[in-house]
Amino acid sequence: MLATLLASIASGEALDALKRLRLTAILYAIAGLSGLCGIGFLIGAGFIAAADRWGTFEASIGFGIGFITLACLILLVQKLVSSAQAKRAARRRSLDATALAGTAAIALLPALLARKGALGALGLPLLGALGYAIYRENRKPGQPPKRDPE
């Protein structure tokens, strides 16, 4: 893969790709600006039609309220989406930390059990904690712990 990259740089293929990328970016920017201008003219035409029908002042008030409402809706949706993403990221970090701790405990377990006296002093509590972590990971959220029938 490195040889292919070096060969493409040596042959000038990378420079050609960079030029094509720059041209594509410029064309997309021009297309975006043209689209924004078109939207601006459509809004202007809507304003003119509203001004002819209801008057200039009323059309200005209506368009102002409409754009303020649109801005508030956009901010509300963004806040809801970002809070959901933050919760998802926190949950993912928690699961990653749990998995990392479990992996570290399993990786260290043979070294701890190989020592003399480690089984009683450190091994059994570690095994208990590992078992509890596995139980917690496999239990469904909100599921009550199982009780023995009497």
N, C-alpha and C. Protein backbone atom coordinates (compact mmCIF):
# COMPACT_ATOMS: atom_id res chain seq x y z
N MET A 1 0.82 -1.18 0.00
CA MET A 1 0.00 0.00 0.00
C MET A 1 0.87 1.25 0.00
N LEU A 2 1.95 1.23 0.79
CA LEU A 2 2.85 2.37 0.84
C LEU A 2 3.55 2.54 -0.51
N ALA A 3 3.90 1.41 -1.13
CA ALA A 3 4.56 1.48 -2.45
C ALA A 3 3.63 2.11 -3.48
N THR A 4 2.32 1.77 -3.42
CA THR A 4 1.36 2.35 -4.35
C THR A 4 1.24 3.85 -4.13
N LEU A 5 1.22 4.26 -2.86
CA LEU A 5 1.13 5.69 -2.54
C LEU A 5 2.36 6.44 -3.04
N LEU A 6 3.55 5.86 -2.81
CA LEU A 6 4.78 6.52 -3.26
C LEU A 6 4.83 6.57 -4.79
N ALA A 7 4.37 5.51 -5.45
CA ALA A 7 4.37 5.50 -6.91
C ALA A 7 3.41 6.55 -7.46
N SER A 8 2.25 6.71 -6.81
CA SER A 8 1.29 7.71 -7.29
C SER A 8 1.81 9.13 -7.07
N ILE A 9 2.53 9.34 -5.97
CA ILE A 9 3.11 10.66 -5.73
C ILE A 9 4.20 10.94 -6.77
N ALA A 10 5.02 9.93 -7.03
CA ALA A 10 6.12 10.10 -7.99
C ALA A 10 5.60 10.33 -9.40
N SER A 11 4.49 9.71 -9.75
CA SER A 11 3.98 9.84 -11.12
C SER A 11 3.16 11.11 -11.31
N GLY A 12 2.87 11.84 -10.26
CA GLY A 12 2.09 13.06 -10.39
C GLY A 12 0.60 12.82 -10.29
N GLU A 13 0.20 11.58 -10.04
CA GLU A 13 -1.22 11.26 -9.94
C GLU A 13 -1.86 11.93 -8.72
N ALA A 14 -1.10 12.05 -7.65
CA ALA A 14 -1.63 12.70 -6.45
C ALA A 14 -1.90 14.18 -6.71
N LEU A 15 -1.04 14.84 -7.46
CA LEU A 15 -1.26 16.25 -7.78
C LEU A 15 -2.50 16.42 -8.65
N ASP A 16 -2.70 15.50 -9.60
CA ASP A 16 -3.90 15.56 -10.44
C ASP A 16 -5.15 15.38 -9.59
N ALA A 17 -5.10 14.44 -8.66
CA ALA A 17 -6.25 14.20 -7.78
C ALA A 17 -6.51 15.43 -6.92
N LEU A 18 -5.47 16.08 -6.44
CA LEU A 18 -5.63 17.29 -5.64
C LEU A 18 -6.26 18.42 -6.46
N LYS A 19 -5.86 18.56 -7.70
CA LYS A 19 -6.45 19.58 -8.57
C LYS A 19 -7.93 19.29 -8.81
N ARG A 20 -8.27 18.01 -9.06
CA ARG A 20 -9.68 17.64 -9.26
C ARG A 20 -10.49 17.92 -7.99
N LEU A 21 -9.91 17.63 -6.84
CA LEU A 21 -10.60 17.87 -5.58
C LEU A 21 -10.86 19.36 -5.37
N ARG A 22 -9.86 20.18 -5.67
CA ARG A 22 -10.03 21.63 -5.52
C ARG A 22 -11.09 22.16 -6.47
N LEU A 23 -11.10 21.69 -7.71
CA LEU A 23 -12.10 22.12 -8.69
C LEU A 23 -13.49 21.69 -8.25
N THR A 24 -13.61 20.47 -7.74
CA THR A 24 -14.91 19.98 -7.26
C THR A 24 -15.40 20.83 -6.09
N ALA A 25 -14.52 21.17 -5.16
CA ALA A 25 -14.91 21.99 -4.01
C ALA A 25 -15.38 23.37 -4.46
N ILE A 26 -14.69 23.95 -5.42
CA ILE A 26 -15.09 25.27 -5.94
C ILE A 26 -16.46 25.19 -6.61
N LEU A 27 -16.68 24.15 -7.42
CA LEU A 27 -17.96 24.01 -8.10
C LEU A 27 -19.10 23.79 -7.10
N TYR A 28 -18.86 22.99 -6.04
CA TYR A 28 -19.89 22.81 -5.02
C TYR A 28 -20.18 24.11 -4.27
N ALA A 29 -19.16 24.92 -4.02
CA ALA A 29 -19.38 26.20 -3.35
C ALA A 29 -20.21 27.13 -4.23
N ILE A 30 -19.92 27.17 -5.53
CA ILE A 30 -20.69 28.01 -6.45
C ILE A 30 -22.14 27.53 -6.51
N ALA A 31 -22.33 26.20 -6.57
CA ALA A 31 -23.69 25.65 -6.61
C ALA A 31 -24.44 25.98 -5.32
N GLY A 32 -23.78 25.91 -4.18
CA GLY A 32 -24.42 26.24 -2.91
C GLY A 32 -24.82 27.71 -2.84
N LEU A 33 -23.92 28.59 -3.27
CA LEU A 33 -24.26 30.03 -3.28
C LEU A 33 -25.40 30.32 -4.23
N SER A 34 -25.42 29.66 -5.39
CA SER A 34 -26.53 29.86 -6.34
C SER A 34 -27.85 29.38 -5.73
N GLY A 35 -27.82 28.27 -5.03
CA GLY A 35 -29.02 27.78 -4.36
C GLY A 35 -29.51 28.76 -3.30
N LEU A 36 -28.58 29.31 -2.52
CA LEU A 36 -28.98 30.30 -1.50
C LEU A 36 -29.58 31.55 -2.14
N CYS A 37 -29.01 31.99 -3.25
CA CYS A 37 -29.59 33.15 -3.96
C CYS A 37 -30.99 32.83 -4.45
N GLY A 38 -31.18 31.62 -4.98
CA GLY A 38 -32.51 31.23 -5.44
C GLY A 38 -33.52 31.21 -4.30
N ILE A 39 -33.12 30.69 -3.15
CA ILE A 39 -34.01 30.69 -1.98
C ILE A 39 -34.32 32.12 -1.55
N GLY A 40 -33.31 33.00 -1.62
CA GLY A 40 -33.54 34.41 -1.26
C GLY A 40 -34.56 35.07 -2.18
N PHE A 41 -34.45 34.82 -3.49
CA PHE A 41 -35.42 35.38 -4.42
C PHE A 41 -36.82 34.82 -4.20
N LEU A 42 -36.92 33.53 -3.87
CA LEU A 42 -38.23 32.95 -3.59
C LEU A 42 -38.85 33.58 -2.33
N ILE A 43 -38.04 33.82 -1.33
CA ILE A 43 -38.54 34.49 -0.12
C ILE A 43 -38.98 35.91 -0.45
N GLY A 44 -38.18 36.59 -1.28
CA GLY A 44 -38.56 37.95 -1.71
C GLY A 44 -39.86 37.95 -2.49
N ALA A 45 -40.04 36.98 -3.36
CA ALA A 45 -41.28 36.90 -4.12
C ALA A 45 -42.46 36.62 -3.20
N GLY A 46 -42.24 35.76 -2.22
CA GLY A 46 -43.31 35.51 -1.24
C GLY A 46 -43.65 36.75 -0.46
N PHE A 47 -42.64 37.53 -0.11
CA PHE A 47 -42.89 38.78 0.60
C PHE A 47 -43.68 39.76 -0.26
N ILE A 48 -43.31 39.86 -1.52
CA ILE A 48 -44.03 40.78 -2.42
C ILE A 48 -45.48 40.36 -2.56
N ALA A 49 -45.73 39.05 -2.71
CA ALA A 49 -47.10 38.57 -2.83
C ALA A 49 -47.88 38.85 -1.54
N ALA A 50 -47.25 38.63 -0.39
CA ALA A 50 -47.92 38.89 0.89
C ALA A 50 -48.16 40.39 1.07
N ALA A 51 -47.22 41.21 0.63
CA ALA A 51 -47.38 42.66 0.75
C ALA A 51 -48.52 43.16 -0.13
N ASP A 52 -48.67 42.59 -1.32
CA ASP A 52 -49.78 42.98 -2.20
C ASP A 52 -51.12 42.57 -1.60
N ARG A 53 -51.13 41.43 -0.93
CA ARG A 53 -52.39 40.92 -0.39
C ARG A 53 -52.77 41.59 0.93
N TRP A 54 -51.82 41.70 1.87
CA TRP A 54 -52.15 42.19 3.22
C TRP A 54 -51.54 43.55 3.55
N GLY A 55 -50.59 44.01 2.78
CA GLY A 55 -49.92 45.27 3.08
C GLY A 55 -48.48 45.01 3.51
N THR A 56 -47.66 46.04 3.35
CA THR A 56 -46.23 45.89 3.61
C THR A 56 -45.94 45.64 5.09
N PHE A 57 -46.58 46.39 5.96
CA PHE A 57 -46.33 46.25 7.40
C PHE A 57 -46.74 44.87 7.90
N GLU A 58 -47.92 44.43 7.52
CA GLU A 58 -48.40 43.13 7.98
C GLU A 58 -47.53 41.99 7.43
N ALA A 59 -47.10 42.11 6.17
CA ALA A 59 -46.22 41.10 5.58
C ALA A 59 -44.88 41.05 6.30
N SER A 60 -44.34 42.23 6.66
CA SER A 60 -43.08 42.28 7.40
C SER A 60 -43.21 41.62 8.76
N ILE A 61 -44.30 41.92 9.46
CA ILE A 61 -44.54 41.30 10.77
C ILE A 61 -44.67 39.78 10.62
N GLY A 62 -45.44 39.34 9.63
CA GLY A 62 -45.64 37.90 9.41
C GLY A 62 -44.34 37.18 9.08
N PHE A 63 -43.54 37.76 8.18
CA PHE A 63 -42.26 37.13 7.83
C PHE A 63 -41.31 37.13 9.02
N GLY A 64 -41.30 38.20 9.80
CA GLY A 64 -40.43 38.25 10.98
C GLY A 64 -40.81 37.18 11.99
N ILE A 65 -42.11 37.07 12.27
CA ILE A 65 -42.57 36.03 13.22
C ILE A 65 -42.27 34.64 12.66
N GLY A 66 -42.46 34.46 11.37
CA GLY A 66 -42.19 33.16 10.75
C GLY A 66 -40.73 32.76 10.87
N PHE A 67 -39.81 33.68 10.60
CA PHE A 67 -38.39 33.36 10.69
C PHE A 67 -37.93 33.17 12.14
N ILE A 68 -38.48 33.95 13.06
CA ILE A 68 -38.14 33.75 14.48
C ILE A 68 -38.64 32.40 14.95
N THR A 69 -39.84 32.01 14.53
CA THR A 69 -40.38 30.69 14.89
C THR A 69 -39.52 29.58 14.31
N LEU A 70 -39.10 29.74 13.06
CA LEU A 70 -38.23 28.75 12.43
C LEU A 70 -36.91 28.62 13.18
N ALA A 71 -36.33 29.75 13.57
CA ALA A 71 -35.07 29.72 14.32
C ALA A 71 -35.24 29.02 15.66
N CYS A 72 -36.35 29.29 16.35
CA CYS A 72 -36.60 28.63 17.64
C CYS A 72 -36.79 27.13 17.46
N LEU A 73 -37.49 26.73 16.42
CA LEU A 73 -37.68 25.30 16.16
C LEU A 73 -36.35 24.61 15.86
N ILE A 74 -35.51 25.26 15.09
CA ILE A 74 -34.20 24.68 14.77
C ILE A 74 -33.37 24.52 16.05
N LEU A 75 -33.37 25.54 16.91
CA LEU A 75 -32.61 25.46 18.16
C LEU A 75 -33.18 24.38 19.09
N LEU A 76 -34.50 24.25 19.13
CA LEU A 76 -35.12 23.22 19.97
C LEU A 76 -34.75 21.82 19.49
N VAL A 77 -34.83 21.59 18.18
CA VAL A 77 -34.48 20.28 17.63
C VAL A 77 -33.00 19.99 17.88
N GLN A 78 -32.14 20.99 17.70
CA GLN A 78 -30.71 20.79 17.92
C GLN A 78 -30.44 20.44 19.37
N LYS A 79 -31.13 21.10 20.30
CA LYS A 79 -30.93 20.82 21.73
C LYS A 79 -31.38 19.39 22.06
N LEU A 80 -32.51 18.97 21.52
CA LEU A 80 -33.00 17.61 21.77
C LEU A 80 -32.05 16.56 21.20
N VAL A 81 -31.57 16.81 19.99
CA VAL A 81 -30.66 15.85 19.35
C VAL A 81 -29.33 15.79 20.10
N SER A 82 -28.79 16.94 20.49
CA SER A 82 -27.50 16.94 21.18
C SER A 82 -27.60 16.30 22.56
N SER A 83 -28.72 16.48 23.26
CA SER A 83 -28.86 15.83 24.57
C SER A 83 -28.98 14.32 24.41
N ALA A 84 -29.69 13.87 23.36
CA ALA A 84 -29.78 12.43 23.11
C ALA A 84 -28.41 11.86 22.74
N GLN A 85 -27.64 12.59 21.96
CA GLN A 85 -26.29 12.14 21.60
C GLN A 85 -25.38 12.10 22.82
N ALA A 86 -25.51 13.08 23.72
CA ALA A 86 -24.69 13.10 24.93
C ALA A 86 -25.03 11.92 25.83
N LYS A 87 -26.32 11.60 25.96
CA LYS A 87 -26.71 10.43 26.76
C LYS A 87 -26.16 9.15 26.15
N ARG A 88 -26.27 9.03 24.82
CA ARG A 88 -25.76 7.84 24.14
C ARG A 88 -24.25 7.72 24.32
N ALA A 89 -23.53 8.85 24.24
CA ALA A 89 -22.08 8.82 24.40
C ALA A 89 -21.71 8.45 25.83
N ALA A 90 -22.45 8.96 26.82
CA ALA A 90 -22.17 8.61 28.21
C ALA A 90 -22.41 7.12 28.46
N ARG A 91 -23.49 6.59 27.89
CA ARG A 91 -23.78 5.17 28.03
C ARG A 91 -22.68 4.33 27.38
N ARG A 92 -22.23 4.76 26.20
CA ARG A 92 -21.17 4.05 25.49
C ARG A 92 -19.86 4.09 26.28
N ARG A 93 -19.53 5.26 26.88
CA ARG A 93 -18.32 5.36 27.70
C ARG A 93 -18.40 4.44 28.91
N SER A 94 -19.58 4.38 29.53
CA SER A 94 -19.76 3.52 30.69
C SER A 94 -19.58 2.05 30.32
N LEU A 95 -20.18 1.64 29.19
CA LEU A 95 -20.03 0.26 28.75
C LEU A 95 -18.58 -0.05 28.37
N ASP A 96 -17.90 0.92 27.74
CA ASP A 96 -16.51 0.71 27.38
C ASP A 96 -15.63 0.57 28.63
N ALA A 97 -15.90 1.41 29.64
CA ALA A 97 -15.12 1.33 30.88
C ALA A 97 -15.37 -0.01 31.57
N THR A 98 -16.61 -0.48 31.57
CA THR A 98 -16.92 -1.77 32.19
C THR A 98 -16.21 -2.89 31.44
N ALA A 99 -16.26 -2.85 30.12
CA ALA A 99 -15.60 -3.88 29.33
C ALA A 99 -14.10 -3.84 29.53
N LEU A 100 -13.53 -2.65 29.62
CA LEU A 100 -12.09 -2.51 29.83
C LEU A 100 -11.69 -3.04 31.20
N ALA A 101 -12.49 -2.74 32.22
CA ALA A 101 -12.17 -3.23 33.55
C ALA A 101 -12.29 -4.76 33.60
N GLY A 102 -13.30 -5.30 32.96
CA GLY A 102 -13.45 -6.76 32.93
C GLY A 102 -12.31 -7.42 32.19
N THR A 103 -11.89 -6.83 31.08
CA THR A 103 -10.78 -7.37 30.31
C THR A 103 -9.48 -7.31 31.10
N ALA A 104 -9.27 -6.19 31.79
CA ALA A 104 -8.06 -6.06 32.60
C ALA A 104 -8.07 -7.08 33.74
N ALA A 105 -9.23 -7.28 34.35
CA ALA A 105 -9.31 -8.24 35.45
C ALA A 105 -9.05 -9.66 34.95
N ILE A 106 -9.60 -10.00 33.81
CA ILE A 106 -9.37 -11.34 33.26
C ILE A 106 -7.91 -11.51 32.85
N ALA A 107 -7.30 -10.46 32.31
CA ALA A 107 -5.90 -10.54 31.89
C ALA A 107 -4.97 -10.69 33.09
N LEU A 108 -5.29 -10.05 34.20
CA LEU A 108 -4.44 -10.12 35.39
C LEU A 108 -4.70 -11.35 36.24
N LEU A 109 -5.81 -12.00 36.03
CA LEU A 109 -6.18 -13.13 36.87
C LEU A 109 -5.16 -14.26 36.87
N PRO A 110 -4.62 -14.71 35.74
CA PRO A 110 -3.62 -15.79 35.80
C PRO A 110 -2.37 -15.40 36.57
N ALA A 111 -1.94 -14.15 36.43
CA ALA A 111 -0.74 -13.71 37.16
C ALA A 111 -1.00 -13.68 38.66
N LEU A 112 -2.19 -13.27 39.06
CA LEU A 112 -2.50 -13.23 40.49
C LEU A 112 -2.67 -14.63 41.07
N LEU A 113 -3.26 -15.51 40.30
CA LEU A 113 -3.48 -16.87 40.79
C LEU A 113 -2.19 -17.68 40.81
N ALA A 114 -1.17 -17.29 40.05
CA ALA A 114 0.09 -18.02 40.02
C ALA A 114 0.90 -17.80 41.29
N ARG A 115 0.69 -16.72 42.00
CA ARG A 115 1.43 -16.44 43.24
C ARG A 115 0.93 -17.33 44.36
N LYS A 116 1.83 -17.63 45.28
CA LYS A 116 1.44 -18.42 46.45
C LYS A 116 0.66 -17.53 47.41
N GLY A 117 -0.42 -18.04 47.89
CA GLY A 117 -1.22 -17.30 48.86
C GLY A 117 -2.11 -16.24 48.24
N ALA A 118 -1.98 -16.02 46.95
CA ALA A 118 -2.78 -14.98 46.31
C ALA A 118 -4.22 -15.41 46.15
N LEU A 119 -4.46 -16.71 46.07
CA LEU A 119 -5.82 -17.19 45.86
C LEU A 119 -6.72 -16.81 47.02
N GLY A 120 -6.24 -16.98 48.23
CA GLY A 120 -7.07 -16.65 49.38
C GLY A 120 -7.11 -15.17 49.66
N ALA A 121 -5.99 -14.49 49.51
CA ALA A 121 -5.90 -13.09 49.89
C ALA A 121 -6.51 -12.16 48.84
N LEU A 122 -6.27 -12.45 47.59
CA LEU A 122 -6.70 -11.51 46.56
C LEU A 122 -7.53 -12.17 45.47
N GLY A 123 -7.32 -13.44 45.23
CA GLY A 123 -7.97 -14.11 44.11
C GLY A 123 -9.46 -14.29 44.28
N LEU A 124 -9.91 -14.74 45.43
CA LEU A 124 -11.34 -14.98 45.62
C LEU A 124 -12.17 -13.70 45.58
N PRO A 125 -11.75 -12.62 46.24
CA PRO A 125 -12.53 -11.38 46.09
C PRO A 125 -12.54 -10.87 44.65
N LEU A 126 -11.42 -11.04 43.94
CA LEU A 126 -11.35 -10.62 42.55
C LEU A 126 -12.28 -11.47 41.70
N LEU A 127 -12.31 -12.77 41.95
CA LEU A 127 -13.23 -13.64 41.22
C LEU A 127 -14.68 -13.26 41.50
N GLY A 128 -14.99 -12.93 42.73
CA GLY A 128 -16.34 -12.50 43.08
C GLY A 128 -16.73 -11.22 42.37
N ALA A 129 -15.81 -10.25 42.34
CA ALA A 129 -16.08 -8.98 41.66
C ALA A 129 -16.24 -9.20 40.16
N LEU A 130 -15.43 -10.08 39.59
CA LEU A 130 -15.54 -10.39 38.18
C LEU A 130 -16.88 -11.06 37.87
N GLY A 131 -17.29 -11.99 38.71
CA GLY A 131 -18.58 -12.65 38.51
C GLY A 131 -19.73 -11.66 38.61
N TYR A 132 -19.64 -10.73 39.57
CA TYR A 132 -20.70 -9.73 39.72
C TYR A 132 -20.74 -8.80 38.50
N ALA A 133 -19.56 -8.42 37.97
CA ALA A 133 -19.51 -7.56 36.78
C ALA A 133 -20.13 -8.27 35.58
N ILE A 134 -19.84 -9.56 35.44
CA ILE A 134 -20.43 -10.32 34.33
C ILE A 134 -21.95 -10.40 34.51
N TYR A 135 -22.41 -10.62 35.74
CA TYR A 135 -23.84 -10.68 36.02
C TYR A 135 -24.52 -9.36 35.67
N ARG A 136 -23.91 -8.24 36.09
CA ARG A 136 -24.48 -6.92 35.81
C ARG A 136 -24.52 -6.62 34.32
N GLU A 137 -23.50 -7.05 33.59
CA GLU A 137 -23.44 -6.79 32.16
C GLU A 137 -24.51 -7.59 31.42
N ASN A 138 -24.79 -8.78 31.86
CA ASN A 138 -25.74 -9.64 31.16
C ASN A 138 -27.18 -9.42 31.61
N ARG A 139 -27.39 -8.76 32.73
CA ARG A 139 -28.75 -8.49 33.20
C ARG A 139 -29.32 -7.33 32.40
N LYS A 140 -30.60 -7.42 32.06
CA LYS A 140 -31.27 -6.36 31.31
C LYS A 140 -31.52 -5.18 32.23
N PRO A 141 -31.47 -3.92 31.68
CA PRO A 141 -31.72 -2.75 32.52
C PRO A 141 -33.14 -2.78 33.09
N GLY A 142 -33.26 -2.46 34.34
CA GLY A 142 -34.57 -2.39 34.99
C GLY A 142 -35.07 -3.75 35.44
N GLN A 143 -34.33 -4.82 35.17
CA GLN A 143 -34.75 -6.16 35.56
C GLN A 143 -34.38 -6.37 37.02
N PRO A 144 -35.34 -6.76 37.84
CA PRO A 144 -35.03 -6.98 39.26
C PRO A 144 -34.15 -8.22 39.41
N PRO A 145 -33.35 -8.28 40.46
CA PRO A 145 -32.55 -9.47 40.68
C PRO A 145 -33.41 -10.69 40.94
N LYS A 146 -32.93 -11.86 40.50
CA LYS A 146 -33.70 -13.09 40.69
C LYS A 146 -33.62 -13.51 42.16
N ARG A 147 -34.75 -13.99 42.68
CA ARG A 147 -34.79 -14.48 44.06
C ARG A 147 -35.07 -15.97 44.03
N ASP A 148 -34.56 -16.65 45.04
CA ASP A 148 -34.80 -18.09 45.14
C ASP A 148 -36.21 -18.33 45.60
N PRO A 149 -36.92 -19.29 44.98
CA PRO A 149 -38.28 -19.61 45.44
C PRO A 149 -38.21 -20.35 46.78
N GLU A 150 -39.11 -20.04 47.68
CA GLU A 150 -39.07 -20.64 49.01
C GLU A 150 -40.04 -21.76 49.14
